[in-house]
């Protein structure tokens, strides 16, 4: 799993926990619907920290909470 996939999975997981759609998340976070859709559909490779922070604000969690999962703890280094 790469970082983009881990971010996408985490967003989907958090939306399910809160019983909201990805489109609702885009509205409450102020991130465009196309950007959120690109992230969750694995079309976005370089997801900015500012974007993740906005999504976290919309989900009412800290950025630390977002990344505190096993998927992020076990990511291997990506070499391009």
C-alpha atoms as a PDB file:
ATOM      1  CA  UNK A   1       0.000   0.000   0.000  1.00  0.00           C
ATOM      2  CA  UNK A   2       1.290   3.457  -0.821  1.00  0.00           C
ATOM      3  CA  UNK A   3       0.545   6.742   0.940  1.00  0.00           C
ATOM      4  CA  UNK A   4      -2.154   7.786  -1.539  1.00  0.00           C
ATOM      5  CA  UNK A   5      -4.000   4.509  -1.043  1.00  0.00           C
ATOM      6  CA  UNK A   6      -3.698   4.784   2.737  1.00  0.00           C
ATOM      7  CA  UNK A   7      -5.097   8.329   2.697  1.00  0.00           C
ATOM      8  CA  UNK A   8      -7.994   7.259   0.469  1.00  0.00           C
ATOM      9  CA  UNK A   9      -8.831   4.307   2.710  1.00  0.00           C
ATOM     10  CA  UNK A  10      -8.692   6.479   5.820  1.00  0.00           C
ATOM     11  CA  UNK A  11     -11.036   9.093   4.333  1.00  0.00           C
ATOM     12  CA  UNK A  12     -13.538   6.432   3.316  1.00  0.00           C
ATOM     13  CA  UNK A  13     -13.294   4.796   6.751  1.00  0.00           C
ATOM     14  CA  UNK A  14     -13.889   8.088   8.560  1.00  0.00           C
ATOM     15  CA  UNK A  15     -16.836   8.981   6.333  1.00  0.00           C
ATOM     16  CA  UNK A  16     -18.431   5.601   7.035  1.00  0.00           C
ATOM     17  CA  UNK A  17     -17.895   6.039  10.792  1.00  0.00           C
ATOM     18  CA  UNK A  18     -19.680   9.396  10.630  1.00  0.00           C
ATOM     19  CA  UNK A  19     -22.341   8.205   8.199  1.00  0.00           C
ATOM     20  CA  UNK A  20     -21.524  10.922   5.668  1.00  0.00           C
ATOM     21  CA  UNK A  21     -20.755  10.744   1.980  1.00  0.00           C
ATOM     22  CA  UNK A  22     -17.500  11.831   0.416  1.00  0.00           C
ATOM     23  CA  UNK A  23     -19.448  14.641  -1.260  1.00  0.00           C
ATOM     24  CA  UNK A  24     -20.741  15.815   2.127  1.00  0.00           C
ATOM     25  CA  UNK A  25     -17.164  15.773   3.405  1.00  0.00           C
ATOM     26  CA  UNK A  26     -16.101  18.028   0.544  1.00  0.00           C
ATOM     27  CA  UNK A  27     -18.852  20.488   1.446  1.00  0.00           C
ATOM     28  CA  UNK A  28     -18.095  20.643   5.182  1.00  0.00           C
ATOM     29  CA  UNK A  29     -14.336  20.773   4.691  1.00  0.00           C
ATOM     30  CA  UNK A  30     -14.193  23.320   1.894  1.00  0.00           C
ATOM     31  CA  UNK A  31     -12.252  20.981  -0.391  1.00  0.00           C
ATOM     32  CA  UNK A  32     -13.618  20.730  -3.906  1.00  0.00           C
ATOM     33  CA  UNK A  33     -15.664  17.666  -4.711  1.00  0.00           C
ATOM     34  CA  UNK A  34     -13.383  16.814  -7.610  1.00  0.00           C
ATOM     35  CA  UNK A  35     -10.312  16.858  -5.352  1.00  0.00           C
ATOM     36  CA  UNK A  36     -11.898  14.570  -2.755  1.00  0.00           C
ATOM     37  CA  UNK A  37     -13.153  12.246  -5.493  1.00  0.00           C
ATOM     38  CA  UNK A  38      -9.681  12.142  -7.051  1.00  0.00           C
ATOM     39  CA  UNK A  39      -8.207  11.207  -3.666  1.00  0.00           C
ATOM     40  CA  UNK A  40     -10.651   8.408  -2.868  1.00  0.00           C
ATOM     41  CA  UNK A  41     -10.549   7.070  -6.430  1.00  0.00           C
ATOM     42  CA  UNK A  42      -6.727   6.912  -6.379  1.00  0.00           C
ATOM     43  CA  UNK A  43      -6.298   9.515  -9.104  1.00  0.00           C
ATOM     44  CA  UNK A  44      -4.412  11.945  -6.834  1.00  0.00           C
ATOM     45  CA  UNK A  45      -0.783  11.040  -6.233  1.00  0.00           C
ATOM     46  CA  UNK A  46       0.478  14.038  -4.301  1.00  0.00           C
ATOM     47  CA  UNK A  47      -2.090  14.966  -1.690  1.00  0.00           C
ATOM     48  CA  UNK A  48      -1.096  18.149   0.091  1.00  0.00           C
ATOM     49  CA  UNK A  49      -0.939  18.483   3.846  1.00  0.00           C
ATOM     50  CA  UNK A  50      -3.177  21.559   3.654  1.00  0.00           C
ATOM     51  CA  UNK A  51      -5.842  19.479   1.897  1.00  0.00           C
ATOM     52  CA  UNK A  52      -5.603  16.727   4.494  1.00  0.00           C
ATOM     53  CA  UNK A  53      -5.824  19.335   7.282  1.00  0.00           C
ATOM     54  CA  UNK A  54      -8.992  20.795   5.750  1.00  0.00           C
ATOM     55  CA  UNK A  55     -10.511  17.320   5.523  1.00  0.00           C
ATOM     56  CA  UNK A  56      -9.575  16.687   9.160  1.00  0.00           C
ATOM     57  CA  UNK A  57     -11.231  19.959  10.163  1.00  0.00           C
ATOM     58  CA  UNK A  58     -14.383  18.872   8.340  1.00  0.00           C
ATOM     59  CA  UNK A  59     -14.252  15.516  10.113  1.00  0.00           C
ATOM     60  CA  UNK A  60     -13.592  17.279  13.435  1.00  0.00           C
ATOM     61  CA  UNK A  61     -10.393  15.365  14.129  1.00  0.00           C
ATOM     62  CA  UNK A  62      -6.773  16.385  14.459  1.00  0.00           C
ATOM     63  CA  UNK A  63      -4.279  15.628  11.749  1.00  0.00           C
ATOM     64  CA  UNK A  64      -2.532  13.375  14.278  1.00  0.00           C
ATOM     65  CA  UNK A  65      -5.722  11.331  14.712  1.00  0.00           C
ATOM     66  CA  UNK A  66      -5.978  11.005  10.943  1.00  0.00           C
ATOM     67  CA  UNK A  67      -2.557   9.393  10.682  1.00  0.00           C
ATOM     68  CA  UNK A  68      -2.724   7.257  13.855  1.00  0.00           C
ATOM     69  CA  UNK A  69      -3.605   3.983  12.154  1.00  0.00           C
ATOM     70  CA  UNK A  70      -1.781   0.766  11.406  1.00  0.00           C
ATOM     71  CA  UNK A  71      -1.794   1.508   7.665  1.00  0.00           C
ATOM     72  CA  UNK A  72       0.308   4.636   8.205  1.00  0.00           C
ATOM     73  CA  UNK A  73       2.574   3.010  10.777  1.00  0.00           C
ATOM     74  CA  UNK A  74       3.527   0.231   8.373  1.00  0.00           C
ATOM     75  CA  UNK A  75       4.027   2.227   5.170  1.00  0.00           C
ATOM     76  CA  UNK A  76       7.255   1.538   3.412  1.00  0.00           C
ATOM     77  CA  UNK A  77       9.409   4.258   1.933  1.00  0.00           C
ATOM     78  CA  UNK A  78       8.341   5.225  -1.553  1.00  0.00           C
ATOM     79  CA  UNK A  79      11.099   5.796  -4.076  1.00  0.00           C
ATOM     80  CA  UNK A  80      10.224   7.525  -7.319  1.00  0.00           C
END
